């Protein structure tokens, strides 16, 4: 038995992507005949999609944000407005393949599962899988690893396996679980690593995140953010958020000492080499130090340590 699903798509002015990627999604919803719904969240703050969607895709619903609040806020609005228990969070540059929803719903029906990721093929390439995610602990802290994108990667993709996080633009969650703590942590606004934080918190609280290869989608990367924001700023935000993630979750005196020493080396190297762009993201991170420490304080006692999460979320 399967269940109806709400598909939530946070968007900016992405008419070209929606024109390409909504038809296969709507065809899959029609095939399933489960009363699935598609919710498009217009995050431009300018109401540029409602009229166009009503004309071109009248079965879809548009929620208009009064101002641009970033990915996490747009996704939260869509999930809050969803009618069904299961929600598939989808970026507009994702193209689904036939039968992608049912295997995800089957996995998410396990109450221990917080989120499920499909097999996400970068640009449709069967050999480049974005959605297998791991974390490794290095001297500088926790580093994201995507083994399915490594040159010559050979992966067992025939069965579900644990992953550390499901990418927010291609994941299935329970609505109640997503909303339990008010959605994604605003610490990471305006974008990037909110999905890692949310899933890592779920692992820490005793839940798990799965990769389900029987569900297949394609990510034809078009970088909506990259079209609107300078790449130097995008990189600064990513690096800033990576540091904030360390400050929120790292455990153990030795690990924290190594992380602080690594930051000191990065600051010194940037200063000596006049690499001012490195100092920008470090400065942005230090501006949010108090916010990160407050987020850390709110975590409470873990059901799993960081070491246990790293062990259990890799295959």
C-alpha atoms as a PDB file:
ATOM      1  CA  UNK A   1       0.000   0.000   0.000  1.00  0.00           C
ATOM      2  CA  UNK A   2       1.274   3.470  -0.848  1.00  0.00           C
ATOM      3  CA  UNK A   3       0.242   6.928   0.327  1.00  0.00           C
ATOM      4  CA  UNK A   4      -0.543  10.287  -1.197  1.00  0.00           C
ATOM      5  CA  UNK A   5       2.432  12.649  -1.332  1.00  0.00           C
ATOM      6  CA  UNK A   6       2.750  16.430  -1.340  1.00  0.00           C
ATOM      7  CA  UNK A   7       5.576  17.577  -3.620  1.00  0.00           C
ATOM      8  CA  UNK A   8       6.988  20.961  -2.541  1.00  0.00           C
ATOM      9  CA  UNK A   9       9.146  22.922  -5.007  1.00  0.00           C
ATOM     10  CA  UNK A  10      10.772  26.144  -3.731  1.00  0.00           C
ATOM     11  CA  UNK A  11      11.397  28.421  -6.735  1.00  0.00           C
ATOM     12  CA  UNK A  12      12.680  31.751  -7.830  1.00  0.00           C
ATOM     13  CA  UNK A  13      11.898  32.846 -11.390  1.00  0.00           C
ATOM     14  CA  UNK A  14      12.381  29.298 -12.739  1.00  0.00           C
ATOM     15  CA  UNK A  15       9.754  29.051 -15.488  1.00  0.00           C
ATOM     16  CA  UNK A  16      12.176  27.364 -17.893  1.00  0.00           C
ATOM     17  CA  UNK A  17      13.029  24.645 -15.375  1.00  0.00           C
ATOM     18  CA  UNK A  18       9.390  24.126 -14.383  1.00  0.00           C
ATOM     19  CA  UNK A  19       8.316  23.902 -18.025  1.00  0.00           C
ATOM     20  CA  UNK A  20      10.818  21.066 -18.504  1.00  0.00           C
ATOM     21  CA  UNK A  21      10.514  19.202 -15.216  1.00  0.00           C
ATOM     22  CA  UNK A  22       6.863  19.497 -14.189  1.00  0.00           C
ATOM     23  CA  UNK A  23       5.449  17.312 -17.029  1.00  0.00           C
ATOM     24  CA  UNK A  24       7.226  14.072 -15.961  1.00  0.00           C
ATOM     25  CA  UNK A  25       6.375  14.813 -12.321  1.00  0.00           C
ATOM     26  CA  UNK A  26       2.695  15.370 -13.086  1.00  0.00           C
ATOM     27  CA  UNK A  27       2.630  12.249 -15.264  1.00  0.00           C
ATOM     28  CA  UNK A  28       3.963  10.231 -12.321  1.00  0.00           C
ATOM     29  CA  UNK A  29       1.313  11.709 -10.011  1.00  0.00           C
ATOM     30  CA  UNK A  30      -1.392  10.813 -12.526  1.00  0.00           C
ATOM     31  CA  UNK A  31      -0.050   7.275 -12.884  1.00  0.00           C
ATOM     32  CA  UNK A  32      -0.085   6.749  -9.128  1.00  0.00           C
ATOM     33  CA  UNK A  33      -3.696   7.954  -8.787  1.00  0.00           C
ATOM     34  CA  UNK A  34      -3.163   8.708  -5.084  1.00  0.00           C
ATOM     35  CA  UNK A  35      -4.306  12.351  -5.111  1.00  0.00           C
ATOM     36  CA  UNK A  36      -0.725  13.596  -4.893  1.00  0.00           C
ATOM     37  CA  UNK A  37      -0.379  17.381  -4.902  1.00  0.00           C
ATOM     38  CA  UNK A  38       2.292  19.703  -6.294  1.00  0.00           C
ATOM     39  CA  UNK A  39       3.004  22.927  -4.382  1.00  0.00           C
ATOM     40  CA  UNK A  40       5.234  25.546  -5.990  1.00  0.00           C
ATOM     41  CA  UNK A  41       6.579  28.141  -3.557  1.00  0.00           C
ATOM     42  CA  UNK A  42       7.365  31.434  -5.288  1.00  0.00           C
ATOM     43  CA  UNK A  43      10.239  32.849  -3.225  1.00  0.00           C
ATOM     44  CA  UNK A  44      10.933  35.844  -5.457  1.00  0.00           C
ATOM     45  CA  UNK A  45       8.848  38.152  -3.269  1.00  0.00           C
ATOM     46  CA  UNK A  46       7.380  39.500  -6.511  1.00  0.00           C
ATOM     47  CA  UNK A  47       4.594  36.992  -7.309  1.00  0.00           C
ATOM     48  CA  UNK A  48       5.961  36.083 -10.742  1.00  0.00           C
ATOM     49  CA  UNK A  49       4.772  32.470 -10.997  1.00  0.00           C
ATOM     50  CA  UNK A  50       1.101  32.237  -9.968  1.00  0.00           C
ATOM     51  CA  UNK A  51      -0.445  33.494 -13.195  1.00  0.00           C
ATOM     52  CA  UNK A  52       1.924  31.489 -15.396  1.00  0.00           C
ATOM     53  CA  UNK A  53       1.442  28.249 -13.408  1.00  0.00           C
ATOM     54  CA  UNK A  54      -2.357  28.661 -13.423  1.00  0.00           C
ATOM     55  CA  UNK A  55      -2.230  28.878 -17.202  1.00  0.00           C
ATOM     56  CA  UNK A  56       0.384  26.218 -17.983  1.00  0.00           C
ATOM     57  CA  UNK A  57      -0.030  23.745 -15.090  1.00  0.00           C
ATOM     58  CA  UNK A  58      -3.464  24.347 -13.547  1.00  0.00           C
ATOM     59  CA  UNK A  59      -3.340  21.272 -11.303  1.00  0.00           C
ATOM     60  CA  UNK A  60      -0.402  22.772  -9.358  1.00  0.00           C
ATOM     61  CA  UNK A  61      -0.817  25.118  -6.422  1.00  0.00           C
ATOM     62  CA  UNK A  62       1.334  28.215  -5.905  1.00  0.00           C
ATOM     63  CA  UNK A  63       2.223  29.705  -2.517  1.00  0.00           C
ATOM     64  CA  UNK A  64       3.635  33.217  -2.775  1.00  0.00           C
ATOM     65  CA  UNK A  65       6.210  34.444  -0.267  1.00  0.00           C
ATOM     66  CA  UNK A  66       5.827  38.146   0.459  1.00  0.00           C
ATOM     67  CA  UNK A  67       9.612  38.503   0.447  1.00  0.00           C
ATOM     68  CA  UNK A  68      12.574  36.380  -0.562  1.00  0.00           C
ATOM     69  CA  UNK A  69      13.548  34.459   2.576  1.00  0.00           C
ATOM     70  CA  UNK A  70      15.843  31.780   1.165  1.00  0.00           C
ATOM     71  CA  UNK A  71      15.514  28.061   0.534  1.00  0.00           C
ATOM     72  CA  UNK A  72      14.742  26.931   4.093  1.00  0.00           C
ATOM     73  CA  UNK A  73      11.956  29.461   4.641  1.00  0.00           C
ATOM     74  CA  UNK A  74      10.372  28.723   1.259  1.00  0.00           C
ATOM     75  CA  UNK A  75      10.489  24.994   1.917  1.00  0.00           C
ATOM     76  CA  UNK A  76       8.998  25.492   5.384  1.00  0.00           C
ATOM     77  CA  UNK A  77       6.079  27.449   3.910  1.00  0.00           C
ATOM     78  CA  UNK A  78       5.421  24.675   1.412  1.00  0.00           C
ATOM     79  CA  UNK A  79       5.571  21.902   4.013  1.00  0.00           C
ATOM     80  CA  UNK A  80       3.281  23.862   6.333  1.00  0.00           C
ATOM     81  CA  UNK A  81       0.801  24.195   3.478  1.00  0.00           C
ATOM     82  CA  UNK A  82       1.000  20.518   2.484  1.00  0.00           C
ATOM     83  CA  UNK A  83      -2.115  18.364   2.776  1.00  0.00           C
ATOM     84  CA  UNK A  84      -0.439  14.955   3.085  1.00  0.00           C
ATOM     85  CA  UNK A  85       1.652  13.124   5.664  1.00  0.00           C
ATOM     86  CA  UNK A  86       4.532  12.457   3.250  1.00  0.00           C
ATOM     87  CA  UNK A  87       6.303  15.352   1.549  1.00  0.00           C
ATOM     88  CA  UNK A  88       8.821  15.176  -1.277  1.00  0.00           C
ATOM     89  CA  UNK A  89      11.069  18.241  -1.284  1.00  0.00           C
ATOM     90  CA  UNK A  90      12.209  18.985  -4.822  1.00  0.00           C
ATOM     91  CA  UNK A  91      14.377  21.598  -6.496  1.00  0.00           C
ATOM     92  CA  UNK A  92      13.105  22.930  -9.845  1.00  0.00           C
ATOM     93  CA  UNK A  93      16.168  21.576 -11.686  1.00  0.00           C
ATOM     94  CA  UNK A  94      15.283  17.963 -10.755  1.00  0.00           C
ATOM     95  CA  UNK A  95      13.676  15.696 -13.359  1.00  0.00           C
ATOM     96  CA  UNK A  96      11.963  12.594 -11.993  1.00  0.00           C
ATOM     97  CA  UNK A  97      11.810   9.160 -13.594  1.00  0.00           C
ATOM     98  CA  UNK A  98       8.812   6.858 -13.672  1.00  0.00           C
ATOM     99  CA  UNK A  99       8.041   5.101 -10.396  1.00  0.00           C
ATOM    100  CA  UNK A 100      10.292   7.275  -8.233  1.00  0.00           C
ATOM    101  CA  UNK A 101       7.827   7.950  -5.403  1.00  0.00           C
ATOM    102  CA  UNK A 102       6.631   4.511  -4.315  1.00  0.00           C
ATOM    103  CA  UNK A 103      10.054   3.178  -3.144  1.00  0.00           C
ATOM    104  CA  UNK A 104      10.637   6.359  -1.144  1.00  0.00           C
ATOM    105  CA  UNK A 105       7.275   6.115   0.593  1.00  0.00           C
ATOM    106  CA  UNK A 106       7.904   2.456   1.402  1.00  0.00           C
ATOM    107  CA  UNK A 107      11.201   3.346   3.131  1.00  0.00           C
ATOM    108  CA  UNK A 108       9.753   6.347   4.970  1.00  0.00           C
ATOM    109  CA  UNK A 109       6.928   4.205   6.364  1.00  0.00           C
ATOM    110  CA  UNK A 110       9.457   2.877   8.905  1.00  0.00           C
ATOM    111  CA  UNK A 111       9.019   5.193  11.935  1.00  0.00           C
ATOM    112  CA  UNK A 112      12.781   5.079  12.596  1.00  0.00           C
ATOM    113  CA  UNK A 113      13.455   6.737   9.239  1.00  0.00           C
ATOM    114  CA  UNK A 114      13.590  10.534   9.247  1.00  0.00           C
ATOM    115  CA  UNK A 115      14.284  11.107   5.531  1.00  0.00           C
ATOM    116  CA  UNK A 116      14.856   9.126   2.336  1.00  0.00           C
ATOM    117  CA  UNK A 117      16.911  10.154  -0.684  1.00  0.00           C
ATOM    118  CA  UNK A 118      16.484   8.735  -4.187  1.00  0.00           C
ATOM    119  CA  UNK A 119      19.339   7.835  -6.522  1.00  0.00           C
ATOM    120  CA  UNK A 120      20.149  11.315  -7.822  1.00  0.00           C
ATOM    121  CA  UNK A 121      22.007  11.188 -11.141  1.00  0.00           C
ATOM    122  CA  UNK A 122      24.043  14.306 -11.842  1.00  0.00           C
ATOM    123  CA  UNK A 123      23.000  15.506 -15.312  1.00  0.00           C
ATOM    124  CA  UNK A 124      21.352  12.109 -15.829  1.00  0.00           C
ATOM    125  CA  UNK A 125      24.709  10.257 -15.788  1.00  0.00           C
ATOM    126  CA  UNK A 126      24.208   6.731 -14.404  1.00  0.00           C
ATOM    127  CA  UNK A 127      27.785   6.710 -13.083  1.00  0.00           C
ATOM    128  CA  UNK A 128      27.560   9.973 -11.103  1.00  0.00           C
ATOM    129  CA  UNK A 129      25.399   9.611  -8.002  1.00  0.00           C
ATOM    130  CA  UNK A 130      25.000  12.734  -5.875  1.00  0.00           C
ATOM    131  CA  UNK A 131      22.842  11.360  -3.091  1.00  0.00           C
ATOM    132  CA  UNK A 132      25.240   8.988  -1.330  1.00  0.00           C
ATOM    133  CA  UNK A 133      26.558  11.238   1.435  1.00  0.00           C
ATOM    134  CA  UNK A 134      29.011  10.588   4.241  1.00  0.00           C
ATOM    135  CA  UNK A 135      30.978  12.631   6.771  1.00  0.00           C
ATOM    136  CA  UNK A 136      34.617  12.116   7.671  1.00  0.00           C
ATOM    137  CA  UNK A 137      36.392  13.538  10.711  1.00  0.00           C
ATOM    138  CA  UNK A 138      39.616  15.370   9.811  1.00  0.00           C
ATOM    139  CA  UNK A 139      41.931  17.708  11.715  1.00  0.00           C
ATOM    140  CA  UNK A 140      39.809  20.643  10.541  1.00  0.00           C
ATOM    141  CA  UNK A 141      36.499  19.028  11.548  1.00  0.00           C
ATOM    142  CA  UNK A 142      33.692  17.242   9.737  1.00  0.00           C
ATOM    143  CA  UNK A 143      33.988  17.063   5.944  1.00  0.00           C
ATOM    144  CA  UNK A 144      31.232  16.062   3.505  1.00  0.00           C
ATOM    145  CA  UNK A 145      32.092  13.155   1.214  1.00  0.00           C
ATOM    146  CA  UNK A 146      30.102  12.091  -1.873  1.00  0.00           C
ATOM    147  CA  UNK A 147      31.726   8.821  -2.986  1.00  0.00           C
ATOM    148  CA  UNK A 148      29.320   8.476  -5.915  1.00  0.00           C
ATOM    149  CA  UNK A 149      30.949  11.481  -7.581  1.00  0.00           C
ATOM    150  CA  UNK A 150      34.536  10.252  -7.235  1.00  0.00           C
ATOM    151  CA  UNK A 151      36.411   9.389 -10.415  1.00  0.00           C
ATOM    152  CA  UNK A 152      36.098   5.676 -11.118  1.00  0.00           C
ATOM    153  CA  UNK A 153      33.738   5.111  -8.190  1.00  0.00           C
ATOM    154  CA  UNK A 154      32.387   1.583  -7.899  1.00  0.00           C
ATOM    155  CA  UNK A 155      29.390   1.457  -5.575  1.00  0.00           C
ATOM    156  CA  UNK A 156      26.840  -1.132  -4.605  1.00  0.00           C
ATOM    157  CA  UNK A 157      23.717   0.781  -5.598  1.00  0.00           C
ATOM    158  CA  UNK A 158      21.298  -2.126  -5.625  1.00  0.00           C
ATOM    159  CA  UNK A 159      19.959  -1.827  -2.097  1.00  0.00           C
ATOM    160  CA  UNK A 160      18.959   0.829   0.430  1.00  0.00           C
ATOM    161  CA  UNK A 161      21.765   1.993   2.692  1.00  0.00           C
ATOM    162  CA  UNK A 162      22.250   4.613   5.418  1.00  0.00           C
ATOM    163  CA  UNK A 163      23.552   8.052   4.459  1.00  0.00           C
ATOM    164  CA  UNK A 164      24.371  10.994   6.688  1.00  0.00           C
ATOM    165  CA  UNK A 165      21.896  13.359   5.034  1.00  0.00           C
ATOM    166  CA  UNK A 166      19.369  13.603   2.249  1.00  0.00           C
ATOM    167  CA  UNK A 167      19.914  16.638   0.035  1.00  0.00           C
ATOM    168  CA  UNK A 168      17.056  19.039   0.765  1.00  0.00           C
ATOM    169  CA  UNK A 169      16.106  19.417  -2.887  1.00  0.00           C
ATOM    170  CA  UNK A 170      15.603  15.665  -3.387  1.00  0.00           C
ATOM    171  CA  UNK A 171      14.259  14.073  -0.219  1.00  0.00           C
ATOM    172  CA  UNK A 172      11.104  12.551   1.190  1.00  0.00           C
ATOM    173  CA  UNK A 173      10.119  13.284   4.796  1.00  0.00           C
ATOM    174  CA  UNK A 174       7.123  13.060   7.067  1.00  0.00           C
ATOM    175  CA  UNK A 175       5.435  16.425   7.395  1.00  0.00           C
ATOM    176  CA  UNK A 176       5.170  16.189  11.193  1.00  0.00           C
ATOM    177  CA  UNK A 177       8.863  15.300  11.540  1.00  0.00           C
ATOM    178  CA  UNK A 178       9.950  18.202   9.356  1.00  0.00           C
ATOM    179  CA  UNK A 179       7.820  20.670  11.304  1.00  0.00           C
ATOM    180  CA  UNK A 180       8.584  19.300  14.783  1.00  0.00           C
ATOM    181  CA  UNK A 181      11.369  21.815  15.480  1.00  0.00           C
ATOM    182  CA  UNK A 182      10.075  24.581  13.244  1.00  0.00           C
ATOM    183  CA  UNK A 183      11.755  23.324  10.086  1.00  0.00           C
ATOM    184  CA  UNK A 184      15.421  23.827   9.269  1.00  0.00           C
ATOM    185  CA  UNK A 185      17.734  25.794  11.570  1.00  0.00           C
ATOM    186  CA  UNK A 186      17.861  29.474  10.477  1.00  0.00           C
ATOM    187  CA  UNK A 187      21.516  29.497  11.570  1.00  0.00           C
ATOM    188  CA  UNK A 188      22.463  28.646   7.977  1.00  0.00           C
ATOM    189  CA  UNK A 189      20.403  31.244   6.133  1.00  0.00           C
ATOM    190  CA  UNK A 190      20.270  32.283   3.353  1.00  0.00           C
ATOM    191  CA  UNK A 191      21.261  28.884   1.890  1.00  0.00           C
ATOM    192  CA  UNK A 192      23.342  25.676   2.045  1.00  0.00           C
ATOM    193  CA  UNK A 193      23.866  22.957   4.700  1.00  0.00           C
ATOM    194  CA  UNK A 194      20.433  23.373   6.330  1.00  0.00           C
ATOM    195  CA  UNK A 195      19.610  19.857   5.090  1.00  0.00           C
ATOM    196  CA  UNK A 196      22.807  18.391   6.558  1.00  0.00           C
ATOM    197  CA  UNK A 197      22.042  20.016   9.918  1.00  0.00           C
ATOM    198  CA  UNK A 198      18.460  18.740   9.995  1.00  0.00           C
ATOM    199  CA  UNK A 199      19.382  15.163   9.126  1.00  0.00           C
ATOM    200  CA  UNK A 200      22.411  15.116  11.436  1.00  0.00           C
ATOM    201  CA  UNK A 201      20.161  16.267  14.258  1.00  0.00           C
ATOM    202  CA  UNK A 202      17.775  13.410  13.432  1.00  0.00           C
ATOM    203  CA  UNK A 203      20.648  10.890  13.591  1.00  0.00           C
ATOM    204  CA  UNK A 204      21.731  12.445  16.897  1.00  0.00           C
ATOM    205  CA  UNK A 205      18.197  11.997  18.241  1.00  0.00           C
ATOM    206  CA  UNK A 206      18.095   8.286  17.377  1.00  0.00           C
ATOM    207  CA  UNK A 207      16.526   8.358  13.891  1.00  0.00           C
ATOM    208  CA  UNK A 208      18.185   7.456  10.571  1.00  0.00           C
ATOM    209  CA  UNK A 209      18.382   8.636   6.968  1.00  0.00           C
ATOM    210  CA  UNK A 210      18.346   6.248   4.005  1.00  0.00           C
ATOM    211  CA  UNK A 211      19.355   6.174   0.360  1.00  0.00           C
ATOM    212  CA  UNK A 212      16.874   4.239  -1.809  1.00  0.00           C
ATOM    213  CA  UNK A 213      18.381   3.368  -5.225  1.00  0.00           C
ATOM    214  CA  UNK A 214      15.102   1.958  -6.569  1.00  0.00           C
ATOM    215  CA  UNK A 215      13.907   5.565  -6.791  1.00  0.00           C
ATOM    216  CA  UNK A 216      15.689   7.510  -9.535  1.00  0.00           C
ATOM    217  CA  UNK A 217      15.729  11.215 -10.370  1.00  0.00           C
ATOM    218  CA  UNK A 218      18.070  13.354 -12.451  1.00  0.00           C
ATOM    219  CA  UNK A 219      19.669  16.588 -11.267  1.00  0.00           C
ATOM    220  CA  UNK A 220      20.333  18.796 -14.272  1.00  0.00           C
ATOM    221  CA  UNK A 221      22.282  21.344 -12.305  1.00  0.00           C
ATOM    222  CA  UNK A 222      21.345  24.857 -13.299  1.00  0.00           C
ATOM    223  CA  UNK A 223      22.280  26.663 -10.094  1.00  0.00           C
ATOM    224  CA  UNK A 224      19.397  29.088  -9.519  1.00  0.00           C
ATOM    225  CA  UNK A 225      21.366  30.754  -6.722  1.00  0.00           C
ATOM    226  CA  UNK A 226      24.448  30.997  -8.926  1.00  0.00           C
ATOM    227  CA  UNK A 227      22.490  32.917 -11.556  1.00  0.00           C
ATOM    228  CA  UNK A 228      21.488  35.584  -9.046  1.00  0.00           C
ATOM    229  CA  UNK A 229      24.351  35.786  -6.563  1.00  0.00           C
ATOM    230  CA  UNK A 230      28.080  36.322  -7.091  1.00  0.00           C
ATOM    231  CA  UNK A 231      30.017  33.043  -6.895  1.00  0.00           C
ATOM    232  CA  UNK A 232      32.492  34.481  -4.378  1.00  0.00           C
ATOM    233  CA  UNK A 233      29.610  35.190  -2.008  1.00  0.00           C
ATOM    234  CA  UNK A 234      28.098  31.732  -2.560  1.00  0.00           C
ATOM    235  CA  UNK A 235      31.426  30.123  -1.666  1.00  0.00           C
ATOM    236  CA  UNK A 236      31.787  32.379   1.387  1.00  0.00           C
ATOM    237  CA  UNK A 237      28.343  31.318   2.649  1.00  0.00           C
ATOM    238  CA  UNK A 238      29.102  27.629   2.098  1.00  0.00           C
ATOM    239  CA  UNK A 239      32.412  27.858   3.946  1.00  0.00           C
ATOM    240  CA  UNK A 240      30.873  29.997   6.701  1.00  0.00           C
ATOM    241  CA  UNK A 241      28.096  27.438   7.207  1.00  0.00           C
ATOM    242  CA  UNK A 242      30.578  24.565   7.242  1.00  0.00           C
ATOM    243  CA  UNK A 243      32.319  26.228  10.199  1.00  0.00           C
ATOM    244  CA  UNK A 244      29.025  26.920  11.982  1.00  0.00           C
ATOM    245  CA  UNK A 245      28.135  23.231  11.601  1.00  0.00           C
ATOM    246  CA  UNK A 246      31.399  22.304  13.374  1.00  0.00           C
ATOM    247  CA  UNK A 247      30.690  24.712  16.213  1.00  0.00           C
ATOM    248  CA  UNK A 248      27.217  23.283  16.681  1.00  0.00           C
ATOM    249  CA  UNK A 249      28.068  19.580  16.653  1.00  0.00           C
ATOM    250  CA  UNK A 250      31.753  18.770  17.273  1.00  0.00           C
ATOM    251  CA  UNK A 251      32.412  16.798  20.458  1.00  0.00           C
ATOM    252  CA  UNK A 252      35.457  16.084  22.596  1.00  0.00           C
ATOM    253  CA  UNK A 253      38.278  18.325  23.802  1.00  0.00           C
ATOM    254  CA  UNK A 254      40.885  16.845  21.432  1.00  0.00           C
ATOM    255  CA  UNK A 255      38.622  17.254  18.407  1.00  0.00           C
ATOM    256  CA  UNK A 256      37.727  20.829  19.330  1.00  0.00           C
ATOM    257  CA  UNK A 257      41.398  21.668  19.951  1.00  0.00           C
ATOM    258  CA  UNK A 258      42.299  20.310  16.496  1.00  0.00           C
ATOM    259  CA  UNK A 259      39.502  22.345  14.928  1.00  0.00           C
ATOM    260  CA  UNK A 260      40.572  25.581  16.629  1.00  0.00           C
ATOM    261  CA  UNK A 261      44.201  24.969  15.599  1.00  0.00           C
ATOM    262  CA  UNK A 262      43.052  24.411  12.010  1.00  0.00           C
ATOM    263  CA  UNK A 263      41.106  27.682  12.027  1.00  0.00           C
ATOM    264  CA  UNK A 264      44.156  29.504  13.384  1.00  0.00           C
ATOM    265  CA  UNK A 265      46.314  28.077  10.564  1.00  0.00           C
ATOM    266  CA  UNK A 266      43.718  29.093   7.956  1.00  0.00           C
ATOM    267  CA  UNK A 267      43.556  32.645   9.314  1.00  0.00           C
ATOM    268  CA  UNK A 268      47.350  32.950   9.431  1.00  0.00           C
ATOM    269  CA  UNK A 269      47.791  31.513   5.928  1.00  0.00           C
ATOM    270  CA  UNK A 270      45.097  33.826   4.542  1.00  0.00           C
ATOM    271  CA  UNK A 271      46.699  36.841   6.212  1.00  0.00           C
ATOM    272  CA  UNK A 272      50.225  36.034   5.006  1.00  0.00           C
ATOM    273  CA  UNK A 273      49.106  35.279   1.435  1.00  0.00           C
ATOM    274  CA  UNK A 274      46.667  38.210   1.279  1.00  0.00           C
ATOM    275  CA  UNK A 275      43.854  35.759   0.475  1.00  0.00           C
ATOM    276  CA  UNK A 276      41.166  38.139   1.642  1.00  0.00           C
ATOM    277  CA  UNK A 277      38.309  35.986   0.368  1.00  0.00           C
ATOM    278  CA  UNK A 278      39.282  33.370   2.978  1.00  0.00           C
ATOM    279  CA  UNK A 279      39.083  35.983   5.707  1.00  0.00           C
ATOM    280  CA  UNK A 280      35.604  37.038   4.525  1.00  0.00           C
ATOM    281  CA  UNK A 281      33.941  33.712   5.288  1.00  0.00           C
ATOM    282  CA  UNK A 282      35.822  33.285   8.539  1.00  0.00           C
ATOM    283  CA  UNK A 283      34.663  36.732   9.609  1.00  0.00           C
ATOM    284  CA  UNK A 284      31.075  35.858   8.640  1.00  0.00           C
ATOM    285  CA  UNK A 285      31.305  32.726  10.786  1.00  0.00           C
ATOM    286  CA  UNK A 286      32.656  34.613  13.819  1.00  0.00           C
ATOM    287  CA  UNK A 287      29.804  37.126  13.441  1.00  0.00           C
ATOM    288  CA  UNK A 288      27.452  34.188  14.170  1.00  0.00           C
ATOM    289  CA  UNK A 289      29.479  32.515  16.909  1.00  0.00           C
ATOM    290  CA  UNK A 290      26.928  33.313  19.611  1.00  0.00           C
ATOM    291  CA  UNK A 291      24.102  31.978  17.427  1.00  0.00           C
ATOM    292  CA  UNK A 292      26.035  28.752  16.844  1.00  0.00           C
ATOM    293  CA  UNK A 293      26.722  28.293  20.540  1.00  0.00           C
ATOM    294  CA  UNK A 294      23.045  28.928  21.342  1.00  0.00           C
ATOM    295  CA  UNK A 295      22.058  26.286  18.761  1.00  0.00           C
ATOM    296  CA  UNK A 296      24.548  23.905  20.361  1.00  0.00           C
ATOM    297  CA  UNK A 297      23.050  24.533  23.791  1.00  0.00           C
ATOM    298  CA  UNK A 298      19.554  23.708  22.514  1.00  0.00           C
ATOM    299  CA  UNK A 299      20.630  20.267  21.281  1.00  0.00           C
ATOM    300  CA  UNK A 300      20.445  18.575  24.673  1.00  0.00           C
ATOM    301  CA  UNK A 301      21.771  15.086  25.374  1.00  0.00           C
ATOM    302  CA  UNK A 302      22.382  12.919  22.287  1.00  0.00           C
ATOM    303  CA  UNK A 303      21.032   9.442  21.645  1.00  0.00           C
ATOM    304  CA  UNK A 304      24.104   8.921  19.423  1.00  0.00           C
ATOM    305  CA  UNK A 305      27.558  10.465  19.635  1.00  0.00           C
ATOM    306  CA  UNK A 306      29.209  12.009  16.587  1.00  0.00           C
ATOM    307  CA  UNK A 307      31.435   8.933  16.308  1.00  0.00           C
ATOM    308  CA  UNK A 308      28.401   6.634  16.364  1.00  0.00           C
ATOM    309  CA  UNK A 309      26.637   8.748  13.732  1.00  0.00           C
ATOM    310  CA  UNK A 310      29.675   8.593  11.439  1.00  0.00           C
ATOM    311  CA  UNK A 311      29.866   4.822  11.866  1.00  0.00           C
ATOM    312  CA  UNK A 312      26.146   4.143  11.406  1.00  0.00           C
ATOM    313  CA  UNK A 313      25.565   6.568   8.531  1.00  0.00           C
ATOM    314  CA  UNK A 314      28.198   5.011   6.279  1.00  0.00           C
ATOM    315  CA  UNK A 315      27.994   1.602   4.635  1.00  0.00           C
END
